Amino acid sequence: EADNELYYLEAIHLFVEILDTYFRNVCELDLIYYFYKAYAALDEVILGGEIMESSRGAVIRQLAANDATQ
């Protein structure tokens, strides 16, 4: 009840911006064929229902590091 709805809308917007940066102009096919990467990005932003990271750069760096190890 004490959660700020605008903060969660901002987190959704941040997630869309991260997907757009990570996939370089994201489209529906990116989400279908690379859903595991989209879930990894979502896990970096939101974990356990709580917003964990609000920095787009930090999330992109972590995702790039994950890609480098695979």
PDB file of N, CA and C in Angstrom:
ATOM      1  N   GLU A   1       0.804  -1.193   0.000  1.00  0.00           N
ATOM      2  CA  GLU A   1       0.000   0.000   0.000  1.00  0.00           C
ATOM      3  C   GLU A   1       0.848   1.258   0.000  1.00  0.00           C
ATOM      4  N   ALA A   2       2.049   1.184   0.532  1.00  0.00           N
ATOM      5  CA  ALA A   2       2.892   2.370   0.617  1.00  0.00           C
ATOM      6  C   ALA A   2       3.764   2.553  -0.624  1.00  0.00           C
ATOM      7  N   ASP A   3       3.673   1.626  -1.574  1.00  0.00           N
ATOM      8  CA  ASP A   3       4.486   1.745  -2.783  1.00  0.00           C
ATOM      9  C   ASP A   3       4.016   2.906  -3.646  1.00  0.00           C
ATOM     10  N   ASN A   4       4.965   3.535  -4.306  1.00  0.00           N
ATOM     11  CA  ASN A   4       4.684   4.653  -5.190  1.00  0.00           C
ATOM     12  C   ASN A   4       4.474   4.109  -6.606  1.00  0.00           C
ATOM     13  N   GLU A   5       3.272   4.267  -7.142  1.00  0.00           N
ATOM     14  CA  GLU A   5       2.949   3.743  -8.463  1.00  0.00           C
ATOM     15  C   GLU A   5       3.780   4.405  -9.556  1.00  0.00           C
ATOM     16  N   LEU A   6       4.075   5.674  -9.407  1.00  0.00           N
ATOM     17  CA  LEU A   6       4.875   6.375 -10.409  1.00  0.00           C
ATOM     18  C   LEU A   6       6.291   5.828 -10.470  1.00  0.00           C
ATOM     19  N   TYR A   7       6.798   5.384  -9.340  1.00  0.00           N
ATOM     20  CA  TYR A   7       8.133   4.796  -9.315  1.00  0.00           C
ATOM     21  C   TYR A   7       8.157   3.508 -10.134  1.00  0.00           C
ATOM     22  N   TYR A   8       7.108   2.725 -10.054  1.00  0.00           N
ATOM     23  CA  TYR A   8       7.046   1.490 -10.829  1.00  0.00           C
ATOM     24  C   TYR A   8       6.825   1.766 -12.310  1.00  0.00           C
ATOM     25  N   LEU A   9       6.071   2.800 -12.652  1.00  0.00           N
ATOM     26  CA  LEU A   9       5.940   3.189 -14.053  1.00  0.00           C
ATOM     27  C   LEU A   9       7.279   3.652 -14.611  1.00  0.00           C
ATOM     28  N   GLU A  10       8.042   4.352 -13.797  1.00  0.00           N
ATOM     29  CA  GLU A  10       9.374   4.769 -14.205  1.00  0.00           C
ATOM     30  C   GLU A  10      10.284   3.556 -14.394  1.00  0.00           C
ATOM     31  N   ALA A  11      10.138   2.544 -13.560  1.00  0.00           N
ATOM     32  CA  ALA A  11      10.942   1.325 -13.692  1.00  0.00           C
ATOM     33  C   ALA A  11      10.592   0.578 -14.979  1.00  0.00           C
ATOM     34  N   ILE A  12       9.318   0.562 -15.345  1.00  0.00           N
ATOM     35  CA  ILE A  12       8.910  -0.065 -16.600  1.00  0.00           C
ATOM     36  C   ILE A  12       9.510   0.686 -17.777  1.00  0.00           C
ATOM     37  N   HIS A  13       9.464   2.006 -17.707  1.00  0.00           N
ATOM     38  CA  HIS A  13      10.063   2.827 -18.764  1.00  0.00           C
ATOM     39  C   HIS A  13      11.568   2.575 -18.849  1.00  0.00           C
ATOM     40  N   LEU A  14      12.230   2.475 -17.725  1.00  0.00           N
ATOM     41  CA  LEU A  14      13.654   2.172 -17.682  1.00  0.00           C
ATOM     42  C   LEU A  14      13.933   0.820 -18.330  1.00  0.00           C
ATOM     43  N   PHE A  15      13.103  -0.180 -18.035  1.00  0.00           N
ATOM     44  CA  PHE A  15      13.275  -1.512 -18.602  1.00  0.00           C
ATOM     45  C   PHE A  15      13.142  -1.481 -20.124  1.00  0.00           C
ATOM     46  N   VAL A  16      12.196  -0.720 -20.627  1.00  0.00           N
ATOM     47  CA  VAL A  16      12.024  -0.601 -22.079  1.00  0.00           C
ATOM     48  C   VAL A  16      13.238   0.092 -22.700  1.00  0.00           C
ATOM     49  N   GLU A  17      13.750   1.118 -22.056  1.00  0.00           N
ATOM     50  CA  GLU A  17      14.950   1.794 -22.555  1.00  0.00           C
ATOM     51  C   GLU A  17      16.154   0.857 -22.552  1.00  0.00           C
ATOM     52  N   ILE A  18      16.273   0.033 -21.517  1.00  0.00           N
ATOM     53  CA  ILE A  18      17.373  -0.923 -21.445  1.00  0.00           C
ATOM     54  C   ILE A  18      17.258  -1.937 -22.577  1.00  0.00           C
ATOM     55  N   LEU A  19      16.061  -2.448 -22.813  1.00  0.00           N
ATOM     56  CA  LEU A  19      15.868  -3.396 -23.915  1.00  0.00           C
ATOM     57  C   LEU A  19      16.206  -2.747 -25.251  1.00  0.00           C
ATOM     58  N   ASP A  20      15.808  -1.504 -25.434  1.00  0.00           N
ATOM     59  CA  ASP A  20      16.077  -0.804 -26.682  1.00  0.00           C
ATOM     60  C   ASP A  20      17.578  -0.615 -26.889  1.00  0.00           C
ATOM     61  N   THR A  21      18.301  -0.302 -25.834  1.00  0.00           N
ATOM     62  CA  THR A  21      19.748  -0.141 -25.925  1.00  0.00           C
ATOM     63  C   THR A  21      20.443  -1.481 -26.121  1.00  0.00           C
ATOM     64  N   TYR A  22      20.031  -2.475 -25.363  1.00  0.00           N
ATOM     65  CA  TYR A  22      20.680  -3.786 -25.385  1.00  0.00           C
ATOM     66  C   TYR A  22      20.497  -4.492 -26.725  1.00  0.00           C
ATOM     67  N   PHE A  23      19.301  -4.443 -27.280  1.00  0.00           N
ATOM     68  CA  PHE A  23      19.023  -5.109 -28.548  1.00  0.00           C
ATOM     69  C   PHE A  23      19.199  -4.181 -29.755  1.00  0.00           C
ATOM     70  N   ARG A  24      19.570  -2.938 -29.520  1.00  0.00           N
ATOM     71  CA  ARG A  24      19.739  -1.949 -30.588  1.00  0.00           C
ATOM     72  C   ARG A  24      18.464  -1.858 -31.419  1.00  0.00           C
ATOM     73  N   ASN A  25      17.508  -1.141 -30.919  1.00  0.00           N
ATOM     74  CA  ASN A  25      16.205  -0.958 -31.556  1.00  0.00           C
ATOM     75  C   ASN A  25      15.378  -2.239 -31.442  1.00  0.00           C
ATOM     76  N   VAL A  26      14.949  -2.540 -30.250  1.00  0.00           N
ATOM     77  CA  VAL A  26      14.254  -3.782 -29.938  1.00  0.00           C
ATOM     78  C   VAL A  26      12.950  -3.902 -30.718  1.00  0.00           C
ATOM     79  N   CYS A  27      12.626  -5.142 -31.088  1.00  0.00           N
ATOM     80  CA  CYS A  27      11.346  -5.433 -31.725  1.00  0.00           C
ATOM     81  C   CYS A  27      10.783  -6.709 -31.094  1.00  0.00           C
ATOM     82  N   GLU A  28       9.584  -7.076 -31.495  1.00  0.00           N
ATOM     83  CA  GLU A  28       8.924  -8.238 -30.902  1.00  0.00           C
ATOM     84  C   GLU A  28       9.706  -9.524 -31.137  1.00  0.00           C
ATOM     85  N   LEU A  29      10.364  -9.633 -32.297  1.00  0.00           N
ATOM     86  CA  LEU A  29      11.124 -10.847 -32.595  1.00  0.00           C
ATOM     87  C   LEU A  29      12.314 -11.017 -31.660  1.00  0.00           C
ATOM     88  N   ASP A  30      12.920  -9.901 -31.262  1.00  0.00           N
ATOM     89  CA  ASP A  30      14.006  -9.983 -30.279  1.00  0.00           C
ATOM     90  C   ASP A  30      13.504 -10.603 -28.985  1.00  0.00           C
ATOM     91  N   LEU A  31      12.321 -10.193 -28.564  1.00  0.00           N
ATOM     92  CA  LEU A  31      11.762 -10.707 -27.314  1.00  0.00           C
ATOM     93  C   LEU A  31      11.351 -12.168 -27.442  1.00  0.00           C
ATOM     94  N   ILE A  32      10.953 -12.575 -28.634  1.00  0.00           N
ATOM     95  CA  ILE A  32      10.549 -13.972 -28.842  1.00  0.00           C
ATOM     96  C   ILE A  32      11.767 -14.879 -28.888  1.00  0.00           C
ATOM     97  N   TYR A  33      12.761 -14.522 -29.705  1.00  0.00           N
ATOM     98  CA  TYR A  33      13.910 -15.400 -29.901  1.00  0.00           C
ATOM     99  C   TYR A  33      14.959 -15.290 -28.802  1.00  0.00           C
ATOM    100  N   TYR A  34      15.023 -14.160 -28.128  1.00  0.00           N
ATOM    101  CA  TYR A  34      16.012 -13.955 -27.073  1.00  0.00           C
ATOM    102  C   TYR A  34      15.325 -13.636 -25.754  1.00  0.00           C
ATOM    103  N   PHE A  35      14.260 -14.373 -25.444  1.00  0.00           N
ATOM    104  CA  PHE A  35      13.508 -14.103 -24.222  1.00  0.00           C
ATOM    105  C   PHE A  35      14.375 -14.264 -22.974  1.00  0.00           C
ATOM    106  N   TYR A  36      15.360 -15.167 -23.020  1.00  0.00           N
ATOM    107  CA  TYR A  36      16.225 -15.365 -21.857  1.00  0.00           C
ATOM    108  C   TYR A  36      17.084 -14.131 -21.585  1.00  0.00           C
ATOM    109  N   LYS A  37      17.456 -13.396 -22.625  1.00  0.00           N
ATOM    110  CA  LYS A  37      18.199 -12.150 -22.423  1.00  0.00           C
ATOM    111  C   LYS A  37      17.287 -11.067 -21.853  1.00  0.00           C
ATOM    112  N   ALA A  38      16.040 -11.049 -22.304  1.00  0.00           N
ATOM    113  CA  ALA A  38      15.084 -10.081 -21.762  1.00  0.00           C
ATOM    114  C   ALA A  38      14.813 -10.366 -20.290  1.00  0.00           C
ATOM    115  N   TYR A  39      14.699 -11.654 -19.936  1.00  0.00           N
ATOM    116  CA  TYR A  39      14.504 -12.011 -18.531  1.00  0.00           C
ATOM    117  C   TYR A  39      15.725 -11.664 -17.691  1.00  0.00           C
ATOM    118  N   ALA A  40      16.910 -11.828 -18.253  1.00  0.00           N
ATOM    119  CA  ALA A  40      18.133 -11.462 -17.524  1.00  0.00           C
ATOM    120  C   ALA A  40      18.146  -9.955 -17.263  1.00  0.00           C
ATOM    121  N   ALA A  41      17.724  -9.174 -18.256  1.00  0.00           N
ATOM    122  CA  ALA A  41      17.657  -7.718 -18.073  1.00  0.00           C
ATOM    123  C   ALA A  41      16.625  -7.364 -17.015  1.00  0.00           C
ATOM    124  N   LEU A  42      15.491  -8.059 -17.043  1.00  0.00           N
ATOM    125  CA  LEU A  42      14.461  -7.802 -16.039  1.00  0.00           C
ATOM    126  C   LEU A  42      14.957  -8.166 -14.640  1.00  0.00           C
ATOM    127  N   ASP A  43      15.713  -9.256 -14.534  1.00  0.00           N
ATOM    128  CA  ASP A  43      16.271  -9.643 -13.238  1.00  0.00           C
ATOM    129  C   ASP A  43      17.269  -8.627 -12.712  1.00  0.00           C
ATOM    130  N   GLU A  44      17.963  -7.955 -13.614  1.00  0.00           N
ATOM    131  CA  GLU A  44      18.904  -6.923 -13.180  1.00  0.00           C
ATOM    132  C   GLU A  44      18.167  -5.693 -12.639  1.00  0.00           C
ATOM    133  N   VAL A  45      16.992  -5.401 -13.189  1.00  0.00           N
ATOM    134  CA  VAL A  45      16.240  -4.211 -12.782  1.00  0.00           C
ATOM    135  C   VAL A  45      15.345  -4.528 -11.586  1.00  0.00           C
ATOM    136  N   ILE A  46      14.563  -5.594 -11.686  1.00  0.00           N
ATOM    137  CA  ILE A  46      13.600  -5.952 -10.646  1.00  0.00           C
ATOM    138  C   ILE A  46      13.903  -7.360 -10.157  1.00  0.00           C
ATOM    139  N   LEU A  47      14.049  -7.510  -8.859  1.00  0.00           N
ATOM    140  CA  LEU A  47      14.334  -8.806  -8.275  1.00  0.00           C
ATOM    141  C   LEU A  47      13.460  -8.984  -7.044  1.00  0.00           C
ATOM    142  N   GLY A  48      12.668 -10.027  -7.040  1.00  0.00           N
ATOM    143  CA  GLY A  48      11.797 -10.299  -5.902  1.00  0.00           C
ATOM    144  C   GLY A  48      10.720  -9.252  -5.709  1.00  0.00           C
ATOM    145  N   GLY A  49      10.299  -8.617  -6.806  1.00  0.00           N
ATOM    146  CA  GLY A  49       9.256  -7.610  -6.712  1.00  0.00           C
ATOM    147  C   GLY A  49       9.747  -6.241  -6.282  1.00  0.00           C
ATOM    148  N   GLU A  50      11.031  -6.106  -6.072  1.00  0.00           N
ATOM    149  CA  GLU A  50      11.610  -4.828  -5.655  1.00  0.00           C
ATOM    150  C   GLU A  50      12.557  -4.322  -6.735  1.00  0.00           C
ATOM    151  N   ILE A  51      12.595  -3.028  -6.916  1.00  0.00           N
ATOM    152  CA  ILE A  51      13.501  -2.431  -7.887  1.00  0.00           C
ATOM    153  C   ILE A  51      14.906  -2.459  -7.306  1.00  0.00           C
ATOM    154  N   MET A  52      15.813  -3.143  -8.008  1.00  0.00           N
ATOM    155  CA  MET A  52      17.166  -3.322  -7.493  1.00  0.00           C
ATOM    156  C   MET A  52      18.158  -2.325  -8.088  1.00  0.00           C
ATOM    157  N   GLU A  53      17.978  -1.974  -9.354  1.00  0.00           N
ATOM    158  CA  GLU A  53      18.927  -1.092 -10.021  1.00  0.00           C
ATOM    159  C   GLU A  53      18.163  -0.079 -10.867  1.00  0.00           C
ATOM    160  N   SER A  54      18.534   1.176 -10.743  1.00  0.00           N
ATOM    161  CA  SER A  54      17.850   2.217 -11.503  1.00  0.00           C
ATOM    162  C   SER A  54      18.793   2.911 -12.485  1.00  0.00           C
ATOM    163  N   SER A  55      19.998   2.396 -12.627  1.00  0.00           N
ATOM    164  CA  SER A  55      20.966   2.981 -13.553  1.00  0.00           C
ATOM    165  C   SER A  55      21.009   2.155 -14.834  1.00  0.00           C
ATOM    166  N   ARG A  56      20.640   2.786 -15.942  1.00  0.00           N
ATOM    167  CA  ARG A  56      20.640   2.084 -17.226  1.00  0.00           C
ATOM    168  C   ARG A  56      22.050   1.622 -17.584  1.00  0.00           C
ATOM    169  N   GLY A  57      23.046   2.465 -17.356  1.00  0.00           N
ATOM    170  CA  GLY A  57      24.427   2.117 -17.677  1.00  0.00           C
ATOM    171  C   GLY A  57      24.930   0.918 -16.896  1.00  0.00           C
ATOM    172  N   ALA A  58      24.595   0.862 -15.626  1.00  0.00           N
ATOM    173  CA  ALA A  58      25.031  -0.266 -14.792  1.00  0.00           C
ATOM    174  C   ALA A  58      24.410  -1.571 -15.272  1.00  0.00           C
ATOM    175  N   VAL A  59      23.148  -1.533 -15.647  1.00  0.00           N
ATOM    176  CA  VAL A  59      22.475  -2.744 -16.127  1.00  0.00           C
ATOM    177  C   VAL A  59      23.070  -3.193 -17.456  1.00  0.00           C
ATOM    178  N   ILE A  60      23.307  -2.258 -18.372  1.00  0.00           N
ATOM    179  CA  ILE A  60      23.885  -2.594 -19.672  1.00  0.00           C
ATOM    180  C   ILE A  60      25.280  -3.180 -19.501  1.00  0.00           C
ATOM    181  N   ARG A  61      26.082  -2.607 -18.601  1.00  0.00           N
ATOM    182  CA  ARG A  61      27.425  -3.154 -18.348  1.00  0.00           C
ATOM    183  C   ARG A  61      27.353  -4.571 -17.813  1.00  0.00           C
ATOM    184  N   GLN A  62      26.423  -4.835 -16.901  1.00  0.00           N
ATOM    185  CA  GLN A  62      26.277  -6.176 -16.338  1.00  0.00           C
ATOM    186  C   GLN A  62      25.819  -7.172 -17.403  1.00  0.00           C
ATOM    187  N   LEU A  63      24.891  -6.762 -18.254  1.00  0.00           N
ATOM    188  CA  LEU A  63      24.429  -7.640 -19.322  1.00  0.00           C
ATOM    189  C   LEU A  63      25.543  -7.926 -20.325  1.00  0.00           C
ATOM    190  N   ALA A  64      26.376  -6.922 -20.624  1.00  0.00           N
ATOM    191  CA  ALA A  64      27.507  -7.130 -21.520  1.00  0.00           C
ATOM    192  C   ALA A  64      28.523  -8.077 -20.891  1.00  0.00           C
ATOM    193  N   ALA A  65      28.731  -7.955 -19.583  1.00  0.00           N
ATOM    194  CA  ALA A  65      29.630  -8.878 -18.884  1.00  0.00           C
ATOM    195  C   ALA A  65      29.085 -10.299 -18.918  1.00  0.00           C
ATOM    196  N   ASN A  66      27.768 -10.437 -18.759  1.00  0.00           N
ATOM    197  CA  ASN A  66      27.149 -11.763 -18.836  1.00  0.00           C
ATOM    198  C   ASN A  66      27.318 -12.356 -20.228  1.00  0.00           C
ATOM    199  N   ASP A  67      27.162 -11.540 -21.257  1.00  0.00           N
ATOM    200  CA  ASP A  67      27.333 -12.030 -22.624  1.00  0.00           C
ATOM    201  C   ASP A  67      28.770 -12.456 -22.897  1.00  0.00           C
ATOM    202  N   ALA A  68      29.721 -11.737 -22.304  1.00  0.00           N
ATOM    203  CA  ALA A  68      31.143 -12.053 -22.522  1.00  0.00           C
ATOM    204  C   ALA A  68      31.520 -13.386 -21.891  1.00  0.00           C
ATOM    205  N   THR A  69      30.853 -13.777 -20.825  1.00  0.00           N
ATOM    206  CA  THR A  69      31.188 -15.042 -20.146  1.00  0.00           C
ATOM    207  C   THR A  69      30.515 -16.242 -20.780  1.00  0.00           C
ATOM    208  N   GLN A  70      29.563 -16.013 -21.654  1.00  0.00           N
ATOM    209  CA  GLN A  70      28.854 -17.151 -22.275  1.00  0.00           C
ATOM    210  C   GLN A  70      29.497 -17.593 -23.531  1.00  0.00           C
TER     211      GLN A  70
END
